[in-house]
Amino acid sequence: MTSGRATPQLGHVDDDELARLAASWRAQALRGDKEAYGIAHALEVERRRRLRASQMAALPEATRPAVRAWWKFWGPARAERGGPM
């Protein structure tokens, strides 16, 4: 499994250049170059990792509604009606 950290060799490459390199290496791989397949894959993995991190940073903080305990479902309604609890 991946560690989630940037590949040190690709840290200095900006996002646009990374996309261009990935497309170039993928084209070579499609022409039959077996080494190009691995390089293209590594570039695409780094590109997806960066994209995922930027998308996660843009998401608003999730708010959860208050959760009532299941055993308190009947409690307040009966008390308001004046019935036995």
PDB file of N, CA and C in Angstrom:
ATOM      1  N   MET A   1       0.844  -1.174   0.000  1.00  0.00           N
ATOM      2  CA  MET A   1       0.000   0.000   0.000  1.00  0.00           C
ATOM      3  C   MET A   1       0.891   1.240   0.000  1.00  0.00           C
ATOM      4  N   THR A   2       0.384   2.334  -0.514  1.00  0.00           N
ATOM      5  CA  THR A   2       1.179   3.552  -0.571  1.00  0.00           C
ATOM      6  C   THR A   2       1.186   4.249   0.777  1.00  0.00           C
ATOM      7  N   SER A   3       2.232   5.010   1.007  1.00  0.00           N
ATOM      8  CA  SER A   3       2.377   5.675   2.294  1.00  0.00           C
ATOM      9  C   SER A   3       1.670   7.013   2.343  1.00  0.00           C
ATOM     10  N   GLY A   4       1.250   7.563   1.189  1.00  0.00           N
ATOM     11  CA  GLY A   4       0.558   8.838   1.186  1.00  0.00           C
ATOM     12  C   GLY A   4       1.491  10.032   1.098  1.00  0.00           C
ATOM     13  N   ARG A   5       2.795   9.774   1.067  1.00  0.00           N
ATOM     14  CA  ARG A   5       3.758  10.860   0.959  1.00  0.00           C
ATOM     15  C   ARG A   5       4.155  11.067  -0.496  1.00  0.00           C
ATOM     16  N   ALA A   6       4.620  12.268  -0.801  1.00  0.00           N
ATOM     17  CA  ALA A   6       5.062  12.564  -2.156  1.00  0.00           C
ATOM     18  C   ALA A   6       6.341  11.791  -2.463  1.00  0.00           C
ATOM     19  N   THR A   7       6.451  11.337  -3.699  1.00  0.00           N
ATOM     20  CA  THR A   7       7.674  10.684  -4.126  1.00  0.00           C
ATOM     21  C   THR A   7       8.764  11.738  -4.182  1.00  0.00           C
ATOM     22  N   PRO A   8       9.899  11.510  -3.513  1.00  0.00           N
ATOM     23  CA  PRO A   8      10.931  12.543  -3.453  1.00  0.00           C
ATOM     24  C   PRO A   8      11.413  12.995  -4.829  1.00  0.00           C
ATOM     25  N   GLN A   9      11.474  12.089  -5.791  1.00  0.00           N
ATOM     26  CA  GLN A   9      11.956  12.455  -7.118  1.00  0.00           C
ATOM     27  C   GLN A   9      10.965  13.325  -7.874  1.00  0.00           C
ATOM     28  N   LEU A  10       9.700  13.313  -7.472  1.00  0.00           N
ATOM     29  CA  LEU A  10       8.680  14.078  -8.187  1.00  0.00           C
ATOM     30  C   LEU A  10       8.236  15.322  -7.426  1.00  0.00           C
ATOM     31  N   GLY A  11       8.824  15.583  -6.288  1.00  0.00           N
ATOM     32  CA  GLY A  11       8.415  16.711  -5.466  1.00  0.00           C
ATOM     33  C   GLY A  11       8.638  18.059  -6.120  1.00  0.00           C
ATOM     34  N   HIS A  12       9.648  18.165  -6.949  1.00  0.00           N
ATOM     35  CA  HIS A  12       9.964  19.453  -7.575  1.00  0.00           C
ATOM     36  C   HIS A  12       9.187  19.701  -8.861  1.00  0.00           C
ATOM     37  N   VAL A  13       8.476  18.708  -9.364  1.00  0.00           N
ATOM     38  CA  VAL A  13       7.727  18.828 -10.616  1.00  0.00           C
ATOM     39  C   VAL A  13       6.360  19.419 -10.318  1.00  0.00           C
ATOM     40  N   ASP A  14       5.996  20.498 -11.060  1.00  0.00           N
ATOM     41  CA  ASP A  14       4.679  21.096 -10.825  1.00  0.00           C
ATOM     42  C   ASP A  14       3.586  20.246 -11.475  1.00  0.00           C
ATOM     43  N   ASP A  15       2.344  20.547 -11.171  1.00  0.00           N
ATOM     44  CA  ASP A  15       1.211  19.711 -11.581  1.00  0.00           C
ATOM     45  C   ASP A  15       1.045  19.645 -13.099  1.00  0.00           C
ATOM     46  N   ASP A  16       1.214  20.769 -13.782  1.00  0.00           N
ATOM     47  CA  ASP A  16       1.053  20.784 -15.240  1.00  0.00           C
ATOM     48  C   ASP A  16       2.129  19.950 -15.923  1.00  0.00           C
ATOM     49  N   GLU A  17       3.355  20.089 -15.448  1.00  0.00           N
ATOM     50  CA  GLU A  17       4.463  19.315 -16.010  1.00  0.00           C
ATOM     51  C   GLU A  17       4.265  17.827 -15.716  1.00  0.00           C
ATOM     52  N   LEU A  18       3.767  17.517 -14.542  1.00  0.00           N
ATOM     53  CA  LEU A  18       3.503  16.131 -14.178  1.00  0.00           C
ATOM     54  C   LEU A  18       2.468  15.514 -15.113  1.00  0.00           C
ATOM     55  N   ALA A  19       1.416  16.248 -15.423  1.00  0.00           N
ATOM     56  CA  ALA A  19       0.394  15.760 -16.347  1.00  0.00           C
ATOM     57  C   ALA A  19       0.971  15.561 -17.743  1.00  0.00           C
ATOM     58  N   ARG A  20       1.813  16.496 -18.187  1.00  0.00           N
ATOM     59  CA  ARG A  20       2.423  16.389 -19.515  1.00  0.00           C
ATOM     60  C   ARG A  20       3.351  15.180 -19.589  1.00  0.00           C
ATOM     61  N   LEU A  21       4.167  14.988 -18.552  1.00  0.00           N
ATOM     62  CA  LEU A  21       5.081  13.849 -18.525  1.00  0.00           C
ATOM     63  C   LEU A  21       4.319  12.522 -18.499  1.00  0.00           C
ATOM     64  N   ALA A  22       3.251  12.468 -17.714  1.00  0.00           N
ATOM     65  CA  ALA A  22       2.465  11.244 -17.624  1.00  0.00           C
ATOM     66  C   ALA A  22       1.865  10.898 -18.988  1.00  0.00           C
ATOM     67  N   ALA A  23       1.344  11.886 -19.683  1.00  0.00           N
ATOM     68  CA  ALA A  23       0.757  11.642 -21.004  1.00  0.00           C
ATOM     69  C   ALA A  23       1.822  11.194 -21.998  1.00  0.00           C
ATOM     70  N   SER A  24       2.985  11.808 -21.933  1.00  0.00           N
ATOM     71  CA  SER A  24       4.077  11.453 -22.843  1.00  0.00           C
ATOM     72  C   SER A  24       4.544  10.010 -22.611  1.00  0.00           C
ATOM     73  N   TRP A  25       4.775   9.660 -21.351  1.00  0.00           N
ATOM     74  CA  TRP A  25       5.217   8.301 -21.034  1.00  0.00           C
ATOM     75  C   TRP A  25       4.121   7.279 -21.331  1.00  0.00           C
ATOM     76  N   ARG A  26       2.853   7.638 -21.123  1.00  0.00           N
ATOM     77  CA  ARG A  26       1.757   6.730 -21.429  1.00  0.00           C
ATOM     78  C   ARG A  26       1.707   6.469 -22.937  1.00  0.00           C
ATOM     79  N   ALA A  27       1.955   7.495 -23.749  1.00  0.00           N
ATOM     80  CA  ALA A  27       1.968   7.319 -25.203  1.00  0.00           C
ATOM     81  C   ALA A  27       3.085   6.363 -25.611  1.00  0.00           C
ATOM     82  N   GLN A  28       4.256   6.493 -24.985  1.00  0.00           N
ATOM     83  CA  GLN A  28       5.358   5.569 -25.283  1.00  0.00           C
ATOM     84  C   GLN A  28       4.997   4.150 -24.858  1.00  0.00           C
ATOM     85  N   ALA A  29       4.318   4.025 -23.733  1.00  0.00           N
ATOM     86  CA  ALA A  29       3.922   2.702 -23.255  1.00  0.00           C
ATOM     87  C   ALA A  29       2.927   2.059 -24.217  1.00  0.00           C
ATOM     88  N   LEU A  30       2.036   2.865 -24.767  1.00  0.00           N
ATOM     89  CA  LEU A  30       1.060   2.336 -25.718  1.00  0.00           C
ATOM     90  C   LEU A  30       1.707   1.891 -27.026  1.00  0.00           C
ATOM     91  N   ARG A  31       2.892   2.425 -27.300  1.00  0.00           N
ATOM     92  CA  ARG A  31       3.641   1.994 -28.493  1.00  0.00           C
ATOM     93  C   ARG A  31       4.469   0.742 -28.227  1.00  0.00           C
ATOM     94  N   GLY A  32       4.404   0.212 -26.980  1.00  0.00           N
ATOM     95  CA  GLY A  32       5.060  -1.056 -26.691  1.00  0.00           C
ATOM     96  C   GLY A  32       6.283  -0.981 -25.803  1.00  0.00           C
ATOM     97  N   ASP A  33       6.665   0.186 -25.346  1.00  0.00           N
ATOM     98  CA  ASP A  33       7.835   0.319 -24.468  1.00  0.00           C
ATOM     99  C   ASP A  33       7.447  -0.139 -23.062  1.00  0.00           C
ATOM    100  N   LYS A  34       8.008  -1.275 -22.631  1.00  0.00           N
ATOM    101  CA  LYS A  34       7.620  -1.862 -21.341  1.00  0.00           C
ATOM    102  C   LYS A  34       8.105  -1.028 -20.159  1.00  0.00           C
ATOM    103  N   GLU A  35       9.252  -0.400 -20.272  1.00  0.00           N
ATOM    104  CA  GLU A  35       9.745   0.446 -19.176  1.00  0.00           C
ATOM    105  C   GLU A  35       8.899   1.709 -19.030  1.00  0.00           C
ATOM    106  N   ALA A  36       8.388   2.208 -20.132  1.00  0.00           N
ATOM    107  CA  ALA A  36       7.571   3.422 -20.104  1.00  0.00           C
ATOM    108  C   ALA A  36       6.282   3.202 -19.335  1.00  0.00           C
ATOM    109  N   TYR A  37       5.780   1.969 -19.332  1.00  0.00           N
ATOM    110  CA  TYR A  37       4.541   1.676 -18.610  1.00  0.00           C
ATOM    111  C   TYR A  37       4.713   1.952 -17.114  1.00  0.00           C
ATOM    112  N   GLY A  38       5.794   1.490 -16.527  1.00  0.00           N
ATOM    113  CA  GLY A  38       6.037   1.700 -15.099  1.00  0.00           C
ATOM    114  C   GLY A  38       6.232   3.163 -14.751  1.00  0.00           C
ATOM    115  N   ILE A  39       6.941   3.871 -15.594  1.00  0.00           N
ATOM    116  CA  ILE A  39       7.179   5.296 -15.349  1.00  0.00           C
ATOM    117  C   ILE A  39       5.871   6.072 -15.463  1.00  0.00           C
ATOM    118  N   ALA A  40       5.100   5.768 -16.495  1.00  0.00           N
ATOM    119  CA  ALA A  40       3.800   6.443 -16.677  1.00  0.00           C
ATOM    120  C   ALA A  40       2.892   6.161 -15.498  1.00  0.00           C
ATOM    121  N   HIS A  41       2.897   4.935 -15.030  1.00  0.00           N
ATOM    122  CA  HIS A  41       2.062   4.577 -13.890  1.00  0.00           C
ATOM    123  C   HIS A  41       2.465   5.374 -12.649  1.00  0.00           C
ATOM    124  N   ALA A  42       3.752   5.470 -12.377  1.00  0.00           N
ATOM    125  CA  ALA A  42       4.231   6.223 -11.211  1.00  0.00           C
ATOM    126  C   ALA A  42       3.846   7.697 -11.315  1.00  0.00           C
ATOM    127  N   LEU A  43       3.970   8.268 -12.483  1.00  0.00           N
ATOM    128  CA  LEU A  43       3.592   9.670 -12.677  1.00  0.00           C
ATOM    129  C   LEU A  43       2.094   9.868 -12.478  1.00  0.00           C
ATOM    130  N   GLU A  44       1.288   8.942 -12.993  1.00  0.00           N
ATOM    131  CA  GLU A  44      -0.160   9.063 -12.845  1.00  0.00           C
ATOM    132  C   GLU A  44      -0.602   8.871 -11.402  1.00  0.00           C
ATOM    133  N   VAL A  45       0.066   7.985 -10.680  1.00  0.00           N
ATOM    134  CA  VAL A  45      -0.248   7.793  -9.263  1.00  0.00           C
ATOM    135  C   VAL A  45       0.042   9.068  -8.486  1.00  0.00           C
ATOM    136  N   GLU A  46       1.176   9.696  -8.745  1.00  0.00           N
ATOM    137  CA  GLU A  46       1.523  10.945  -8.061  1.00  0.00           C
ATOM    138  C   GLU A  46       0.529  12.045  -8.420  1.00  0.00           C
ATOM    139  N   ARG A  47       0.128  12.095  -9.683  1.00  0.00           N
ATOM    140  CA  ARG A  47      -0.843  13.108 -10.116  1.00  0.00           C
ATOM    141  C   ARG A  47      -2.181  12.925  -9.395  1.00  0.00           C
ATOM    142  N   ARG A  48      -2.664  11.679  -9.286  1.00  0.00           N
ATOM    143  CA  ARG A  48      -3.918  11.412  -8.582  1.00  0.00           C
ATOM    144  C   ARG A  48      -3.789  11.726  -7.095  1.00  0.00           C
ATOM    145  N   ARG A  49      -2.640  11.431  -6.509  1.00  0.00           N
ATOM    146  CA  ARG A  49      -2.433  11.716  -5.090  1.00  0.00           C
ATOM    147  C   ARG A  49      -2.514  13.221  -4.830  1.00  0.00           C
ATOM    148  N   ARG A  50      -1.890  14.004  -5.688  1.00  0.00           N
ATOM    149  CA  ARG A  50      -1.940  15.464  -5.526  1.00  0.00           C
ATOM    150  C   ARG A  50      -3.351  15.995  -5.730  1.00  0.00           C
ATOM    151  N   LEU A  51      -4.039  15.469  -6.725  1.00  0.00           N
ATOM    152  CA  LEU A  51      -5.404  15.916  -7.008  1.00  0.00           C
ATOM    153  C   LEU A  51      -6.319  15.588  -5.838  1.00  0.00           C
ATOM    154  N   ARG A  52      -6.176  14.391  -5.287  1.00  0.00           N
ATOM    155  CA  ARG A  52      -7.007  13.978  -4.150  1.00  0.00           C
ATOM    156  C   ARG A  52      -6.761  14.893  -2.955  1.00  0.00           C
ATOM    157  N   ALA A  53      -5.510  15.223  -2.684  1.00  0.00           N
ATOM    158  CA  ALA A  53      -5.187  16.089  -1.550  1.00  0.00           C
ATOM    159  C   ALA A  53      -5.788  17.483  -1.743  1.00  0.00           C
ATOM    160  N   SER A  54      -5.739  18.009  -2.967  1.00  0.00           N
ATOM    161  CA  SER A  54      -6.288  19.346  -3.206  1.00  0.00           C
ATOM    162  C   SER A  54      -7.809  19.334  -3.126  1.00  0.00           C
ATOM    163  N   GLN A  55      -8.438  18.244  -3.552  1.00  0.00           N
ATOM    164  CA  GLN A  55      -9.896  18.151  -3.455  1.00  0.00           C
ATOM    165  C   GLN A  55     -10.336  18.040  -2.001  1.00  0.00           C
ATOM    166  N   MET A  56      -9.595  17.303  -1.213  1.00  0.00           N
ATOM    167  CA  MET A  56      -9.946  17.148   0.194  1.00  0.00           C
ATOM    168  C   MET A  56      -9.795  18.473   0.933  1.00  0.00           C
ATOM    169  N   ALA A  57      -8.817  19.263   0.566  1.00  0.00           N
ATOM    170  CA  ALA A  57      -8.605  20.550   1.221  1.00  0.00           C
ATOM    171  C   ALA A  57      -9.751  21.518   0.909  1.00  0.00           C
ATOM    172  N   ALA A  58     -10.389  21.352  -0.240  1.00  0.00           N
ATOM    173  CA  ALA A  58     -11.458  22.262  -0.649  1.00  0.00           C
ATOM    174  C   ALA A  58     -12.815  21.896  -0.059  1.00  0.00           C
ATOM    175  N   LEU A  59     -12.947  20.706   0.505  1.00  0.00           N
ATOM    176  CA  LEU A  59     -14.231  20.288   1.050  1.00  0.00           C
ATOM    177  C   LEU A  59     -14.553  21.034   2.341  1.00  0.00           C
ATOM    178  N   PRO A  60     -15.812  21.425   2.525  1.00  0.00           N
ATOM    179  CA  PRO A  60     -16.183  22.053   3.792  1.00  0.00           C
ATOM    180  C   PRO A  60     -16.211  21.007   4.903  1.00  0.00           C
ATOM    181  N   GLU A  61     -16.065  21.474   6.118  1.00  0.00           N
ATOM    182  CA  GLU A  61     -16.087  20.551   7.244  1.00  0.00           C
ATOM    183  C   GLU A  61     -17.489  19.970   7.385  1.00  0.00           C
ATOM    184  N   ALA A  62     -17.559  18.668   7.522  1.00  0.00           N
ATOM    185  CA  ALA A  62     -18.846  17.989   7.615  1.00  0.00           C
ATOM    186  C   ALA A  62     -19.473  18.228   8.982  1.00  0.00           C
ATOM    187  N   THR A  63     -20.755  18.536   8.969  1.00  0.00           N
ATOM    188  CA  THR A  63     -21.483  18.686  10.227  1.00  0.00           C
ATOM    189  C   THR A  63     -22.465  17.544  10.339  1.00  0.00           C
ATOM    190  N   ARG A  64     -22.519  16.941  11.500  1.00  0.00           N
ATOM    191  CA  ARG A  64     -23.419  15.820  11.723  1.00  0.00           C
ATOM    192  C   ARG A  64     -24.582  16.278  12.581  1.00  0.00           C
ATOM    193  N   PRO A  65     -25.787  15.819  12.245  1.00  0.00           N
ATOM    194  CA  PRO A  65     -26.931  16.176  13.085  1.00  0.00           C
ATOM    195  C   PRO A  65     -26.819  15.494  14.447  1.00  0.00           C
ATOM    196  N   ALA A  66     -27.470  16.069  15.426  1.00  0.00           N
ATOM    197  CA  ALA A  66     -27.456  15.479  16.766  1.00  0.00           C
ATOM    198  C   ALA A  66     -28.101  14.105  16.711  1.00  0.00           C
ATOM    199  N   VAL A  67     -27.485  13.165  17.338  1.00  0.00           N
ATOM    200  CA  VAL A  67     -27.987  11.795  17.334  1.00  0.00           C
ATOM    201  C   VAL A  67     -28.614  11.495  18.682  1.00  0.00           C
ATOM    202  N   ARG A  68     -29.871  11.081  18.641  1.00  0.00           N
ATOM    203  CA  ARG A  68     -30.548  10.687  19.880  1.00  0.00           C
ATOM    204  C   ARG A  68     -30.347   9.209  20.093  1.00  0.00           C
ATOM    205  N   ALA A  69     -30.160   8.842  21.319  1.00  0.00           N
ATOM    206  CA  ALA A  69     -30.021   7.431  21.644  1.00  0.00           C
ATOM    207  C   ALA A  69     -31.322   6.705  21.315  1.00  0.00           C
ATOM    208  N   TRP A  70     -31.223   5.488  20.828  1.00  0.00           N
ATOM    209  CA  TRP A  70     -32.406   4.750  20.400  1.00  0.00           C
ATOM    210  C   TRP A  70     -33.391   4.519  21.545  1.00  0.00           C
ATOM    211  N   TRP A  71     -32.910   4.394  22.774  1.00  0.00           N
ATOM    212  CA  TRP A  71     -33.810   4.110  23.889  1.00  0.00           C
ATOM    213  C   TRP A  71     -34.556   5.368  24.366  1.00  0.00           C
ATOM    214  N   LYS A  72     -34.160   6.526  23.861  1.00  0.00           N
ATOM    215  CA  LYS A  72     -34.849   7.763  24.234  1.00  0.00           C
ATOM    216  C   LYS A  72     -35.889   8.154  23.179  1.00  0.00           C
ATOM    217  N   PHE A  73     -36.146   7.274  22.251  1.00  0.00           N
ATOM    218  CA  PHE A  73     -37.074   7.571  21.170  1.00  0.00           C
ATOM    219  C   PHE A  73     -38.468   7.880  21.706  1.00  0.00           C
ATOM    220  N   TRP A  74     -38.927   7.113  22.699  1.00  0.00           N
ATOM    221  CA  TRP A  74     -40.288   7.276  23.195  1.00  0.00           C
ATOM    222  C   TRP A  74     -40.374   8.233  24.369  1.00  0.00           C
ATOM    223  N   GLY A  75     -39.293   8.500  25.049  1.00  0.00           N
ATOM    224  CA  GLY A  75     -39.313   9.258  26.294  1.00  0.00           C
ATOM    225  C   GLY A  75     -39.942  10.643  26.221  1.00  0.00           C
ATOM    226  N   PRO A  76     -39.386  11.619  25.528  1.00  0.00           N
ATOM    227  CA  PRO A  76     -39.901  12.990  25.562  1.00  0.00           C
ATOM    228  C   PRO A  76     -41.320  13.121  25.020  1.00  0.00           C
ATOM    229  N   ALA A  77     -41.683  12.359  24.017  1.00  0.00           N
ATOM    230  CA  ALA A  77     -43.026  12.489  23.440  1.00  0.00           C
ATOM    231  C   ALA A  77     -44.089  12.087  24.452  1.00  0.00           C
ATOM    232  N   ARG A  78     -43.882  11.023  25.204  1.00  0.00           N
ATOM    233  CA  ARG A  78     -44.857  10.602  26.214  1.00  0.00           C
ATOM    234  C   ARG A  78     -44.920  11.594  27.356  1.00  0.00           C
ATOM    235  N   ALA A  79     -43.785  12.142  27.714  1.00  0.00           N
ATOM    236  CA  ALA A  79     -43.768  13.102  28.825  1.00  0.00           C
ATOM    237  C   ALA A  79     -44.548  14.364  28.437  1.00  0.00           C
ATOM    238  N   GLU A  80     -44.465  14.779  27.166  1.00  0.00           N
ATOM    239  CA  GLU A  80     -45.171  15.981  26.712  1.00  0.00           C
ATOM    240  C   GLU A  80     -46.686  15.738  26.676  1.00  0.00           C
ATOM    241  N   ARG A  81     -47.110  14.509  26.386  1.00  0.00           N
ATOM    242  CA  ARG A  81     -48.538  14.195  26.310  1.00  0.00           C
ATOM    243  C   ARG A  81     -49.122  13.949  27.694  1.00  0.00           C
ATOM    244  N   GLY A  82     -48.274  13.785  28.682  1.00  0.00           N
ATOM    245  CA  GLY A  82     -48.766  13.541  30.026  1.00  0.00           C
ATOM    246  C   GLY A  82     -48.989  12.075  30.312  1.00  0.00           C
ATOM    247  N   GLY A  83     -48.556  11.198  29.427  1.00  0.00           N
ATOM    248  CA  GLY A  83     -48.737   9.770  29.614  1.00  0.00           C
ATOM    249  C   GLY A  83     -47.632   9.196  30.505  1.00  0.00           C
ATOM    250  N   PRO A  84     -47.795   7.922  30.917  1.00  0.00           N
ATOM    251  CA  PRO A  84     -46.768   7.285  31.752  1.00  0.00           C
ATOM    252  C   PRO A  84     -45.501   7.029  30.952  1.00  0.00           C
ATOM    253  N   MET A  85     -44.383   7.056  31.627  1.00  0.00           N
ATOM    254  CA  MET A  85     -43.110   6.790  30.956  1.00  0.00           C
ATOM    255  C   MET A  85     -42.728   5.393  31.101  1.00  0.00           C
TER     256      MET A  85
END
